[in-house]
Protein backbone atom coordinates (compact mmCIF):
# COMPACT_ATOMS: atom_id res chain seq x y z
CA MET A 1 61.90 -21.70 25.24
CA MET A 2 59.79 -20.86 28.51
CA LYS A 3 60.41 -22.68 32.21
CA GLN A 4 57.37 -24.79 32.14
CA ASP A 5 57.20 -25.20 36.20
CA ARG A 6 58.54 -28.71 37.95
CA ILE A 7 54.86 -30.96 38.25
CA ASP A 8 56.96 -32.97 40.34
CA SER A 9 58.25 -31.96 43.21
CA LYS A 10 61.14 -34.60 44.00
CA LEU A 11 62.36 -33.34 41.09
CA ASP A 12 62.42 -30.19 42.39
CA VAL A 13 63.90 -31.46 45.96
CA ALA A 14 66.37 -33.27 44.39
CA VAL A 15 67.04 -30.88 40.80
CA ASN A 16 67.73 -27.78 44.51
CA ARG A 17 70.25 -30.49 46.27
CA GLY A 18 72.21 -30.93 43.28
CA LEU A 19 72.83 -27.47 42.68
CA ALA A 20 73.72 -27.17 46.55
CA ALA A 21 76.45 -29.73 45.84
CA ALA A 22 77.55 -28.64 43.25
CA LEU A 23 78.61 -24.57 44.87
CA LEU A 24 79.46 -26.10 47.47
CA VAL A 25 80.65 -28.95 46.66
CA ASP A 26 81.63 -29.17 43.46
CA PHE A 27 80.61 -30.07 40.66
CA PRO A 28 80.55 -33.78 39.88
CA ALA A 29 79.21 -33.51 43.53
CA GLY A 30 75.91 -32.24 42.70
CA VAL A 31 75.48 -34.27 38.68
CA LYS A 32 76.00 -36.85 41.16
CA VAL A 33 73.35 -35.94 43.39
CA MET A 34 70.34 -35.44 40.34
CA ILE A 35 71.65 -38.88 39.02
CA ASP A 36 70.85 -40.72 42.09
CA GLN A 37 67.84 -38.92 42.74
CA GLY A 38 66.56 -39.66 39.80
CA VAL A 39 66.84 -36.86 37.85
CA PRO A 40 66.34 -37.77 34.11
CA PRO A 41 69.83 -36.32 32.08
CA HIS A 42 68.74 -33.82 30.16
CA VAL A 43 67.31 -31.67 32.72
CA VAL A 44 70.26 -32.82 34.81
CA THR A 45 72.75 -31.52 31.71
CA ARG A 46 69.50 -28.29 31.29
CA VAL A 47 70.09 -27.39 34.76
CA PHE A 48 73.75 -26.69 34.61
CA LEU A 49 74.44 -25.72 30.70
CA THR A 50 72.09 -22.46 30.90
CA PRO A 51 71.10 -21.69 33.95
CA GLN A 52 70.06 -18.38 32.32
CA GLN A 53 67.17 -20.67 32.41
CA ARG A 54 66.72 -21.95 35.71
CA ARG A 55 64.01 -20.95 37.83
CA ALA A 56 63.14 -18.13 40.82
CA SER A 57 63.12 -21.39 43.42
CA ASP A 58 65.68 -22.54 42.82
CA TRP A 59 68.56 -23.08 44.91
CA LYS A 60 70.96 -20.18 45.04
CA ASN A 61 74.29 -19.16 47.34
């Protein structure tokens, strides 16, 4: 499966905020941040369940 570029910069920011919250606080906090900021549930699931498919620009610790 090929990675697609995120066209929506708000989605990109929300995903990165959620990843940061998951790493700095805990997993549920990361999920909540993404959902609260409008990231579609299937994207939240994919981001957390398939980290090998994350974009090079995604937040990392």
